Full PDB file with SEQRES, HELIX, SHEET, SSBOND, CRYST1, ORIGX, SCALE, CONECT and MASTER records, all heavy atoms in Angstrom:
SEQRES   1 A   37  PHE VAL VAL CYS ILE SER ARG SER GLY ASP ASN THR TYR          
SEQRES   2 A   37  TYR SER ALA SER VAL LYS GLY ARG PHE THR ILE SER ARG          
SEQRES   3 A   37  ASP SER ALA LYS ASN THR VAL ASP PRO GLN MET                  
SHEET    1 AA1 2 VAL A   3  ILE A   5  0                                        
SHEET    2 AA1 2 THR A  12  TYR A  14 -1                                        
SHEET    1 AA2 2 THR A  23  ASP A  27  0                                        
SHEET    2 AA2 2 THR A  32  GLN A  36 -1                                        
CRYST1    1.000    1.000    1.000  90.00  90.00  90.00 P 1           1          
ORIGX1      1.000000  0.000000  0.000000        0.00000                         
ORIGX2      0.000000  1.000000  0.000000        0.00000                         
ORIGX3      0.000000  0.000000  1.000000        0.00000                         
SCALE1      1.000000  0.000000  0.000000        0.00000                         
SCALE2      0.000000  1.000000  0.000000        0.00000                         
SCALE3      0.000000  0.000000  1.000000        0.00000                         
ATOM      1  N   PHE A   1      -0.777  13.153  -2.020  1.00  0.00           N  
ATOM      2  CA  PHE A   1      -1.002  11.827  -1.470  1.00  0.00           C  
ATOM      3  C   PHE A   1      -1.058  10.789  -2.571  1.00  0.00           C  
ATOM      4  O   PHE A   1      -1.624  11.030  -3.635  1.00  0.00           O  
ATOM      5  CB  PHE A   1      -2.318  11.821  -0.681  1.00  0.00           C  
ATOM      6  CG  PHE A   1      -2.790  10.452  -0.295  1.00  0.00           C  
ATOM      7  CD1 PHE A   1      -2.231   9.780   0.776  1.00  0.00           C  
ATOM      8  CD2 PHE A   1      -3.798   9.835  -1.009  1.00  0.00           C  
ATOM      9  CE1 PHE A   1      -2.663   8.520   1.134  1.00  0.00           C  
ATOM     10  CE2 PHE A   1      -4.250   8.577  -0.664  1.00  0.00           C  
ATOM     11  CZ  PHE A   1      -3.678   7.920   0.411  1.00  0.00           C  
ATOM     12  N   VAL A   2      -0.479   9.608  -2.309  1.00  0.00           N  
ATOM     13  CA  VAL A   2      -0.500   8.504  -3.257  1.00  0.00           C  
ATOM     14  C   VAL A   2      -1.277   7.314  -2.707  1.00  0.00           C  
ATOM     15  O   VAL A   2      -2.253   6.859  -3.312  1.00  0.00           O  
ATOM     16  CB  VAL A   2       0.921   8.053  -3.643  1.00  0.00           C  
ATOM     17  CG1 VAL A   2       0.867   6.882  -4.618  1.00  0.00           C  
ATOM     18  CG2 VAL A   2       1.697   9.209  -4.253  1.00  0.00           C  
ATOM     19  N   VAL A   3      -0.855   6.796  -1.555  1.00  0.00           N  
ATOM     20  CA  VAL A   3      -1.454   5.589  -0.997  1.00  0.00           C  
ATOM     21  C   VAL A   3      -1.128   5.502   0.486  1.00  0.00           C  
ATOM     22  O   VAL A   3      -0.111   6.032   0.938  1.00  0.00           O  
ATOM     23  CB  VAL A   3      -0.935   4.329  -1.738  1.00  0.00           C  
ATOM     24  CG1 VAL A   3       0.576   4.201  -1.601  1.00  0.00           C  
ATOM     25  CG2 VAL A   3      -1.631   3.071  -1.261  1.00  0.00           C  
ATOM     26  N   CYS A   4      -1.988   4.815   1.247  1.00  0.00           N  
ATOM     27  CA  CYS A   4      -1.719   4.571   2.658  1.00  0.00           C  
ATOM     28  C   CYS A   4      -2.173   3.170   3.033  1.00  0.00           C  
ATOM     29  O   CYS A   4      -2.943   2.529   2.308  1.00  0.00           O  
ATOM     30  CB  CYS A   4      -2.387   5.616   3.555  1.00  0.00           C  
ATOM     31  SG  CYS A   4      -4.181   5.723   3.395  1.00  0.00           S  
ATOM     32  N   ILE A   5      -1.699   2.695   4.193  1.00  0.00           N  
ATOM     33  CA  ILE A   5      -1.993   1.342   4.633  1.00  0.00           C  
ATOM     34  C   ILE A   5      -2.094   1.317   6.152  1.00  0.00           C  
ATOM     35  O   ILE A   5      -1.363   2.014   6.848  1.00  0.00           O  
ATOM     36  CB  ILE A   5      -0.915   0.354   4.121  1.00  0.00           C  
ATOM     37  CG1 ILE A   5      -1.308  -1.093   4.413  1.00  0.00           C  
ATOM     38  CG2 ILE A   5       0.451   0.696   4.707  1.00  0.00           C  
ATOM     39  CD1 ILE A   5      -0.423  -2.107   3.688  1.00  0.00           C  
ATOM     40  N   SER A   6      -3.016   0.493   6.657  1.00  0.00           N  
ATOM     41  CA  SER A   6      -3.231   0.383   8.091  1.00  0.00           C  
ATOM     42  C   SER A   6      -2.103  -0.387   8.761  1.00  0.00           C  
ATOM     43  O   SER A   6      -1.245  -0.985   8.104  1.00  0.00           O  
ATOM     44  CB  SER A   6      -4.570  -0.306   8.364  1.00  0.00           C  
ATOM     45  OG  SER A   6      -4.562  -1.636   7.876  1.00  0.00           O  
ATOM     46  N   ARG A   7      -2.111  -0.383  10.095  1.00  0.00           N  
ATOM     47  CA  ARG A   7      -1.087  -1.115  10.843  1.00  0.00           C  
ATOM     48  C   ARG A   7      -1.096  -2.599  10.527  1.00  0.00           C  
ATOM     49  O   ARG A   7      -0.035  -3.222  10.388  1.00  0.00           O  
ATOM     50  CB  ARG A   7      -1.279  -0.899  12.348  1.00  0.00           C  
ATOM     51  CG  ARG A   7      -1.012   0.515  12.825  1.00  0.00           C  
ATOM     52  CD  ARG A   7      -1.215   0.625  14.328  1.00  0.00           C  
ATOM     53  NE  ARG A   7      -0.967   1.975  14.812  1.00  0.00           N  
ATOM     54  CZ  ARG A   7      -1.899   2.910  14.919  1.00  0.00           C  
ATOM     55  NH1 ARG A   7      -3.148   2.650  14.578  1.00  0.00           N  
ATOM     56  NH2 ARG A   7      -1.568   4.117  15.375  1.00  0.00           N  
ATOM     57  N   SER A   8      -2.281  -3.173  10.407  1.00  0.00           N  
ATOM     58  CA  SER A   8      -2.401  -4.596  10.127  1.00  0.00           C  
ATOM     59  C   SER A   8      -2.123  -4.940   8.668  1.00  0.00           C  
ATOM     60  O   SER A   8      -1.816  -6.092   8.350  1.00  0.00           O  
ATOM     61  CB  SER A   8      -3.795  -5.091  10.500  1.00  0.00           C  
ATOM     62  OG  SER A   8      -4.772  -4.532   9.649  1.00  0.00           O  
ATOM     63  N   GLY A   9      -2.257  -3.965   7.782  1.00  0.00           N  
ATOM     64  CA  GLY A   9      -2.151  -4.207   6.358  1.00  0.00           C  
ATOM     65  C   GLY A   9      -3.456  -4.611   5.707  1.00  0.00           C  
ATOM     66  O   GLY A   9      -3.505  -4.791   4.486  1.00  0.00           O  
ATOM     67  N   ASP A  10      -4.510  -4.736   6.488  1.00  0.00           N  
ATOM     68  CA  ASP A  10      -5.800  -5.177   5.967  1.00  0.00           C  
ATOM     69  C   ASP A  10      -6.559  -4.086   5.229  1.00  0.00           C  
ATOM     70  O   ASP A  10      -7.436  -4.390   4.419  1.00  0.00           O  
ATOM     71  CB  ASP A  10      -6.678  -5.705   7.097  1.00  0.00           C  
ATOM     72  CG  ASP A  10      -6.160  -6.996   7.687  1.00  0.00           C  
ATOM     73  OD1 ASP A  10      -5.411  -7.716   6.992  1.00  0.00           O  
ATOM     74  OD2 ASP A  10      -6.504  -7.297   8.842  1.00  0.00           O  
ATOM     75  N   ASN A  11      -6.238  -2.826   5.507  1.00  0.00           N  
ATOM     76  CA  ASN A  11      -6.942  -1.709   4.898  1.00  0.00           C  
ATOM     77  C   ASN A  11      -5.968  -0.813   4.149  1.00  0.00           C  
ATOM     78  O   ASN A  11      -4.919  -0.439   4.677  1.00  0.00           O  
ATOM     79  CB  ASN A  11      -7.685  -0.897   5.956  1.00  0.00           C  
ATOM     80  CG  ASN A  11      -8.745  -1.705   6.682  1.00  0.00           C  
ATOM     81  OD1 ASN A  11      -8.632  -1.981   7.874  1.00  0.00           O  
ATOM     82  ND2 ASN A  11      -9.786  -2.091   5.943  1.00  0.00           N  
ATOM     83  N   THR A  12      -6.335  -0.484   2.917  1.00  0.00           N  
ATOM     84  CA  THR A  12      -5.536   0.408   2.085  1.00  0.00           C  
ATOM     85  C   THR A  12      -6.440   1.431   1.417  1.00  0.00           C  
ATOM     86  O   THR A  12      -7.644   1.214   1.264  1.00  0.00           O  
ATOM     87  CB  THR A  12      -4.771  -0.367   1.007  1.00  0.00           C  
ATOM     88  OG1 THR A  12      -5.707  -1.094   0.195  1.00  0.00           O  
ATOM     89  CG2 THR A  12      -3.797  -1.352   1.644  1.00  0.00           C  
ATOM     90  N   TYR A  13      -5.839   2.546   1.012  1.00  0.00           N  
ATOM     91  CA  TYR A  13      -6.581   3.594   0.326  1.00  0.00           C  
ATOM     92  C   TYR A  13      -5.658   4.234  -0.695  1.00  0.00           C  
ATOM     93  O   TYR A  13      -4.512   4.571  -0.386  1.00  0.00           O  
ATOM     94  CB  TYR A  13      -7.103   4.635   1.314  1.00  0.00           C  
ATOM     95  CG  TYR A  13      -7.945   5.706   0.679  1.00  0.00           C  
ATOM     96  CD1 TYR A  13      -9.263   5.458   0.328  1.00  0.00           C  
ATOM     97  CD2 TYR A  13      -7.423   6.970   0.424  1.00  0.00           C  
ATOM     98  CE1 TYR A  13     -10.038   6.432  -0.257  1.00  0.00           C  
ATOM     99  CE2 TYR A  13      -8.194   7.957  -0.168  1.00  0.00           C  
ATOM    100  CZ  TYR A  13      -9.506   7.675  -0.504  1.00  0.00           C  
ATOM    101  OH  TYR A  13     -10.277   8.648  -1.083  1.00  0.00           O  
ATOM    102  N   TYR A  14      -6.159   4.422  -1.925  1.00  0.00           N  
ATOM    103  CA  TYR A  14      -5.365   4.940  -3.025  1.00  0.00           C  
ATOM    104  C   TYR A  14      -5.960   6.227  -3.570  1.00  0.00           C  
ATOM    105  O   TYR A  14      -7.185   6.397  -3.606  1.00  0.00           O  
ATOM    106  CB  TYR A  14      -5.298   3.920  -4.163  1.00  0.00           C  
ATOM    107  CG  TYR A  14      -4.682   2.603  -3.768  1.00  0.00           C  
ATOM    108  CD1 TYR A  14      -5.450   1.603  -3.182  1.00  0.00           C  
ATOM    109  CD2 TYR A  14      -3.334   2.357  -3.988  1.00  0.00           C  
ATOM    110  CE1 TYR A  14      -4.883   0.395  -2.819  1.00  0.00           C  
ATOM    111  CE2 TYR A  14      -2.763   1.148  -3.633  1.00  0.00           C  
ATOM    112  CZ  TYR A  14      -3.543   0.176  -3.051  1.00  0.00           C  
ATOM    113  OH  TYR A  14      -2.979  -1.027  -2.699  1.00  0.00           O  
ATOM    114  N   SER A  15      -5.101   7.117  -4.027  1.00  0.00           N  
ATOM    115  CA  SER A  15      -5.579   8.282  -4.739  1.00  0.00           C  
ATOM    116  C   SER A  15      -6.208   7.838  -6.060  1.00  0.00           C  
ATOM    117  O   SER A  15      -5.863   6.785  -6.611  1.00  0.00           O  
ATOM    118  CB  SER A  15      -4.448   9.270  -4.995  1.00  0.00           C  
ATOM    119  OG  SER A  15      -3.522   8.747  -5.927  1.00  0.00           O  
ATOM    120  N   ALA A  16      -7.123   8.653  -6.578  1.00  0.00           N  
ATOM    121  CA  ALA A  16      -7.807   8.293  -7.812  1.00  0.00           C  
ATOM    122  C   ALA A  16      -6.841   8.137  -8.982  1.00  0.00           C  
ATOM    123  O   ALA A  16      -7.074   7.327  -9.888  1.00  0.00           O  
ATOM    124  CB  ALA A  16      -8.870   9.347  -8.144  1.00  0.00           C  
ATOM    125  N   SER A  17      -5.748   8.877  -8.970  1.00  0.00           N  
ATOM    126  CA  SER A  17      -4.815   8.856 -10.082  1.00  0.00           C  
ATOM    127  C   SER A  17      -4.014   7.562 -10.179  1.00  0.00           C  
ATOM    128  O   SER A  17      -3.486   7.250 -11.250  1.00  0.00           O  
ATOM    129  CB  SER A  17      -3.853  10.044  -9.993  1.00  0.00           C  
ATOM    130  OG  SER A  17      -3.080   9.983  -8.806  1.00  0.00           O  
ATOM    131  N   VAL A  18      -3.910   6.798  -9.083  1.00  0.00           N  
ATOM    132  CA  VAL A  18      -3.107   5.573  -9.096  1.00  0.00           C  
ATOM    133  C   VAL A  18      -3.928   4.318  -8.837  1.00  0.00           C  
ATOM    134  O   VAL A  18      -3.406   3.211  -9.011  1.00  0.00           O  
ATOM    135  CB  VAL A  18      -1.942   5.639  -8.090  1.00  0.00           C  
ATOM    136  CG1 VAL A  18      -1.121   6.896  -8.303  1.00  0.00           C  
ATOM    137  CG2 VAL A  18      -2.458   5.556  -6.659  1.00  0.00           C  
ATOM    138  N   LYS A  19      -5.167   4.465  -8.426  1.00  0.00           N  
ATOM    139  CA  LYS A  19      -6.001   3.309  -8.108  1.00  0.00           C  
ATOM    140  C   LYS A  19      -6.119   2.397  -9.327  1.00  0.00           C  
ATOM    141  O   LYS A  19      -6.378   2.843 -10.438  1.00  0.00           O  
ATOM    142  CB  LYS A  19      -7.381   3.754  -7.653  1.00  0.00           C  
ATOM    143  CG  LYS A  19      -8.247   2.623  -7.115  1.00  0.00           C  
ATOM    144  CD  LYS A  19      -9.558   3.157  -6.558  1.00  0.00           C  
ATOM    145  CE  LYS A  19     -10.399   2.044  -5.960  1.00  0.00           C  
ATOM    146  NZ  LYS A  19     -11.674   2.560  -5.402  1.00  0.00           N  
ATOM    147  N   GLY A  20      -5.928   1.095  -9.105  1.00  0.00           N  
ATOM    148  CA  GLY A  20      -5.968   0.116 -10.172  1.00  0.00           C  
ATOM    149  C   GLY A  20      -4.622  -0.152 -10.804  1.00  0.00           C  
ATOM    150  O   GLY A  20      -4.464  -1.154 -11.514  1.00  0.00           O  
ATOM    151  N   ARG A  21      -3.646   0.720 -10.567  1.00  0.00           N  
ATOM    152  CA  ARG A  21      -2.303   0.554 -11.101  1.00  0.00           C  
ATOM    153  C   ARG A  21      -1.269   0.275 -10.010  1.00  0.00           C  
ATOM    154  O   ARG A  21      -0.311  -0.455 -10.239  1.00  0.00           O  
ATOM    155  CB  ARG A  21      -1.875   1.791 -11.890  1.00  0.00           C  
ATOM    156  CG  ARG A  21      -2.789   2.112 -13.067  1.00  0.00           C  
ATOM    157  CD  ARG A  21      -2.237   3.248 -13.913  1.00  0.00           C  
ATOM    158  NE  ARG A  21      -2.146   4.500 -13.158  1.00  0.00           N  
ATOM    159  CZ  ARG A  21      -1.012   5.138 -12.898  1.00  0.00           C  
ATOM    160  NH1 ARG A  21       0.147   4.654 -13.332  1.00  0.00           N  
ATOM    161  NH2 ARG A  21      -1.030   6.274 -12.214  1.00  0.00           N  
ATOM    162  N   PHE A  22      -1.458   0.877  -8.838  1.00  0.00           N  
ATOM    163  CA  PHE A  22      -0.536   0.695  -7.714  1.00  0.00           C  
ATOM    164  C   PHE A  22      -1.166  -0.228  -6.682  1.00  0.00           C  
ATOM    165  O   PHE A  22      -2.387  -0.204  -6.477  1.00  0.00           O  
ATOM    166  CB  PHE A  22      -0.212   2.026  -7.037  1.00  0.00           C  
ATOM    167  CG  PHE A  22       0.603   2.987  -7.859  1.00  0.00           C  
ATOM    168  CD1 PHE A  22       0.837   2.783  -9.207  1.00  0.00           C  
ATOM    169  CD2 PHE A  22       1.134   4.118  -7.254  1.00  0.00           C  
ATOM    170  CE1 PHE A  22       1.583   3.676  -9.952  1.00  0.00           C  
ATOM    171  CE2 PHE A  22       1.882   5.023  -7.985  1.00  0.00           C  
ATOM    172  CZ  PHE A  22       2.110   4.806  -9.332  1.00  0.00           C  
ATOM    173  N   THR A  23      -0.337  -1.006  -6.009  1.00  0.00           N  
ATOM    174  CA  THR A  23      -0.769  -1.864  -4.919  1.00  0.00           C  
ATOM    175  C   THR A  23       0.251  -1.795  -3.797  1.00  0.00           C  
ATOM    176  O   THR A  23       1.440  -1.993  -4.028  1.00  0.00           O  
ATOM    177  CB  THR A  23      -0.920  -3.329  -5.364  1.00  0.00           C  
ATOM    178  OG1 THR A  23      -1.829  -3.414  -6.466  1.00  0.00           O  
ATOM    179  CG2 THR A  23      -1.447  -4.180  -4.213  1.00  0.00           C  
ATOM    180  N   ILE A  24      -0.214  -1.508  -2.580  1.00  0.00           N  
ATOM    181  CA  ILE A  24       0.690  -1.417  -1.442  1.00  0.00           C  
ATOM    182  C   ILE A  24       0.491  -2.630  -0.539  1.00  0.00           C  
ATOM    183  O   ILE A  24      -0.623  -3.134  -0.388  1.00  0.00           O  
ATOM    184  CB  ILE A  24       0.489  -0.110  -0.654  1.00  0.00           C  
ATOM    185  CG1 ILE A  24       1.631   0.102   0.346  1.00  0.00           C  
ATOM    186  CG2 ILE A  24      -0.860  -0.080   0.046  1.00  0.00           C  
ATOM    187  CD1 ILE A  24       1.662   1.481   0.962  1.00  0.00           C  
ATOM    188  N   SER A  25       1.577  -3.095   0.063  1.00  0.00           N  
ATOM    189  CA  SER A  25       1.517  -4.234   0.962  1.00  0.00           C  
ATOM    190  C   SER A  25       2.607  -4.120   2.022  1.00  0.00           C  
ATOM    191  O   SER A  25       3.551  -3.339   1.887  1.00  0.00           O  
ATOM    192  CB  SER A  25       1.667  -5.550   0.198  1.00  0.00           C  
ATOM    193  OG  SER A  25       2.926  -5.612  -0.453  1.00  0.00           O  
ATOM    194  N   ARG A  26       2.447  -4.901   3.080  1.00  0.00           N  
ATOM    195  CA  ARG A  26       3.465  -4.993   4.128  1.00  0.00           C  
ATOM    196  C   ARG A  26       4.159  -6.343   4.045  1.00  0.00           C  
ATOM    197  O   ARG A  26       3.521  -7.370   3.807  1.00  0.00           O  
ATOM    198  CB  ARG A  26       2.838  -4.838   5.508  1.00  0.00           C  
ATOM    199  CG  ARG A  26       2.310  -3.450   5.824  1.00  0.00           C  
ATOM    200  CD  ARG A  26       1.747  -3.411   7.243  1.00  0.00           C  
ATOM    201  NE  ARG A  26       1.244  -2.095   7.617  1.00  0.00           N  
ATOM    202  CZ  ARG A  26       1.968  -1.141   8.193  1.00  0.00           C  
ATOM    203  NH1 ARG A  26       3.253  -1.353   8.466  1.00  0.00           N  
ATOM    204  NH2 ARG A  26       1.411   0.021   8.498  1.00  0.00           N  
ATOM    205  N   ASP A  27       5.460  -6.346   4.236  1.00  0.00           N  
ATOM    206  CA  ASP A  27       6.239  -7.570   4.341  1.00  0.00           C  
ATOM    207  C   ASP A  27       6.820  -7.594   5.749  1.00  0.00           C  
ATOM    208  O   ASP A  27       7.871  -7.010   6.010  1.00  0.00           O  
ATOM    209  CB  ASP A  27       7.339  -7.626   3.292  1.00  0.00           C  
ATOM    210  CG  ASP A  27       8.019  -8.979   3.240  1.00  0.00           C  
ATOM    211  OD1 ASP A  27       8.088  -9.663   4.264  1.00  0.00           O  
ATOM    212  OD2 ASP A  27       8.491  -9.351   2.141  1.00  0.00           O  
ATOM    213  N   SER A  28       6.123  -8.248   6.664  1.00  0.00           N  
ATOM    214  CA  SER A  28       6.529  -8.237   8.066  1.00  0.00           C  
ATOM    215  C   SER A  28       7.891  -8.891   8.278  1.00  0.00           C  
ATOM    216  O   SER A  28       8.667  -8.457   9.131  1.00  0.00           O  
ATOM    217  CB  SER A  28       5.476  -8.939   8.918  1.00  0.00           C  
ATOM    218  OG  SER A  28       4.244  -8.252   8.877  1.00  0.00           O  
ATOM    219  N   ALA A  29       8.190  -9.946   7.510  1.00  0.00           N  
ATOM    220  CA  ALA A  29       9.462 -10.641   7.653  1.00  0.00           C  
ATOM    221  C   ALA A  29      10.639  -9.729   7.326  1.00  0.00           C  
ATOM    222  O   ALA A  29      11.710  -9.842   7.928  1.00  0.00           O  
ATOM    223  CB  ALA A  29       9.490 -11.884   6.783  1.00  0.00           C  
ATOM    224  N   LYS A  30      10.458  -8.835   6.363  1.00  0.00           N  
ATOM    225  CA  LYS A  30      11.508  -7.904   5.964  1.00  0.00           C  
ATOM    226  C   LYS A  30      11.368  -6.541   6.628  1.00  0.00           C  
ATOM    227  O   LYS A  30      12.228  -5.678   6.444  1.00  0.00           O  
ATOM    228  CB  LYS A  30      11.504  -7.726   4.449  1.00  0.00           C  
ATOM    229  CG  LYS A  30      11.829  -8.990   3.667  1.00  0.00           C  
ATOM    230  CD  LYS A  30      11.811  -8.722   2.176  1.00  0.00           C  
ATOM    231  CE  LYS A  30      12.148  -9.965   1.380  1.00  0.00           C  
ATOM    232  NZ  LYS A  30      12.104  -9.707  -0.083  1.00  0.00           N  
ATOM    233  N   ASN A  31      10.287  -6.340   7.381  1.00  0.00           N  
ATOM    234  CA  ASN A  31      10.008  -5.054   8.023  1.00  0.00           C  
ATOM    235  C   ASN A  31       9.965  -3.934   6.982  1.00  0.00           C  
ATOM    236  O   ASN A  31      10.639  -2.904   7.116  1.00  0.00           O  
ATOM    237  CB  ASN A  31      11.043  -4.738   9.105  1.00  0.00           C  
ATOM    238  CG  ASN A  31      10.628  -3.579   9.981  1.00  0.00           C  
ATOM    239  OD1 ASN A  31       9.450  -3.397  10.284  1.00  0.00           O  
ATOM    240  ND2 ASN A  31      11.597  -2.771  10.409  1.00  0.00           N  
ATOM    241  N   THR A  32       9.159  -4.134   5.935  1.00  0.00           N  
ATOM    242  CA  THR A  32       9.044  -3.150   4.874  1.00  0.00           C  
ATOM    243  C   THR A  32       7.589  -2.881   4.528  1.00  0.00           C  
ATOM    244  O   THR A  32       6.707  -3.682   4.811  1.00  0.00           O  
ATOM    245  CB  THR A  32       9.768  -3.591   3.595  1.00  0.00           C  
ATOM    246  OG1 THR A  32       9.199  -4.810   3.111  1.00  0.00           O  
ATOM    247  CG2 THR A  32      11.255  -3.783   3.844  1.00  0.00           C  
ATOM    248  N   VAL A  33       7.370  -1.739   3.902  1.00  0.00           N  
ATOM    249  CA  VAL A  33       6.104  -1.368   3.297  1.00  0.00           C  
ATOM    250  C   VAL A  33       6.393  -1.066   1.838  1.00  0.00           C  
ATOM    251  O   VAL A  33       7.211  -0.191   1.539  1.00  0.00           O  
ATOM    252  CB  VAL A  33       5.472  -0.155   3.992  1.00  0.00           C  
ATOM    253  CG1 VAL A  33       4.204   0.276   3.263  1.00  0.00           C  
ATOM    254  CG2 VAL A  33       5.155  -0.485   5.442  1.00  0.00           C  
ATOM    255  N   ASP A  34       5.734  -1.788   0.933  1.00  0.00           N  
ATOM    256  CA  ASP A  34       6.170  -1.836  -0.457  1.00  0.00           C  
ATOM    257  C   ASP A  34       5.047  -1.495  -1.429  1.00  0.00           C  
ATOM    258  O   ASP A  34       4.102  -2.274  -1.581  1.00  0.00           O  
ATOM    259  CB  ASP A  34       6.702  -3.222  -0.802  1.00  0.00           C  
ATOM    260  CG  ASP A  34       7.731  -3.712   0.195  1.00  0.00           C  
ATOM    261  OD1 ASP A  34       8.597  -2.916   0.599  1.00  0.00           O  
ATOM    262  OD2 ASP A  34       7.673  -4.901   0.572  1.00  0.00           O  
ATOM    263  N   PRO A  35       5.135  -0.348  -2.107  1.00  0.00           N  
ATOM    264  CA  PRO A  35       4.201  -0.079  -3.207  1.00  0.00           C  
ATOM    265  C   PRO A  35       4.683  -0.717  -4.500  1.00  0.00           C  
ATOM    266  O   PRO A  35       5.808  -0.460  -4.938  1.00  0.00           O  
ATOM    267  CB  PRO A  35       4.200   1.448  -3.314  1.00  0.00           C  
ATOM    268  CG  PRO A  35       4.995   1.953  -2.137  1.00  0.00           C  
ATOM    269  CD  PRO A  35       5.916   0.842  -1.760  1.00  0.00           C  
ATOM    270  N   GLN A  36       3.840  -1.549  -5.101  1.00  0.00           N  
ATOM    271  CA  GLN A  36       4.082  -2.087  -6.431  1.00  0.00           C  
ATOM    272  C   GLN A  36       3.388  -1.174  -7.430  1.00  0.00           C  
ATOM    273  O   GLN A  36       2.167  -1.007  -7.372  1.00  0.00           O  
ATOM    274  CB  GLN A  36       3.545  -3.507  -6.547  1.00  0.00           C  
ATOM    275  CG  GLN A  36       3.665  -4.109  -7.941  1.00  0.00           C  
ATOM    276  CD  GLN A  36       5.090  -4.325  -8.358  1.00  0.00           C  
ATOM    277  OE1 GLN A  36       5.895  -4.842  -7.581  1.00  0.00           O  
ATOM    278  NE2 GLN A  36       5.431  -3.929  -9.576  1.00  0.00           N  
ATOM    279  N   MET A  37       4.139  -0.588  -8.334  1.00  0.00           N  
ATOM    280  CA  MET A  37       3.627   0.404  -9.264  1.00  0.00           C  
ATOM    281  C   MET A  37       3.682  -0.162 -10.669  1.00  0.00           C  
ATOM    282  O   MET A  37       4.766  -0.370 -11.224  1.00  0.00           O  
ATOM    283  CB  MET A  37       4.427   1.698  -9.162  1.00  0.00           C  
ATOM    284  CG  MET A  37       4.576   2.211  -7.733  1.00  0.00           C  
ATOM    285  SD  MET A  37       5.308   3.858  -7.620  1.00  0.00           S  
ATOM    286  CE  MET A  37       6.913   3.558  -8.376  1.00  0.00           C  
TER     287      MET A  37                                                      
MASTER        0    0    0    0    4    0    0    6  286    1    0    3          
END                                                                             
């Protein structure tokens, strides 16, 4: 497991190995879910 995100995008959870370095977000306009690493 790396990261997950809720339907709304308001809640996220990261594995300890990536927390603080990775950020996940939703782009509704593009219909994407995007981890920034």
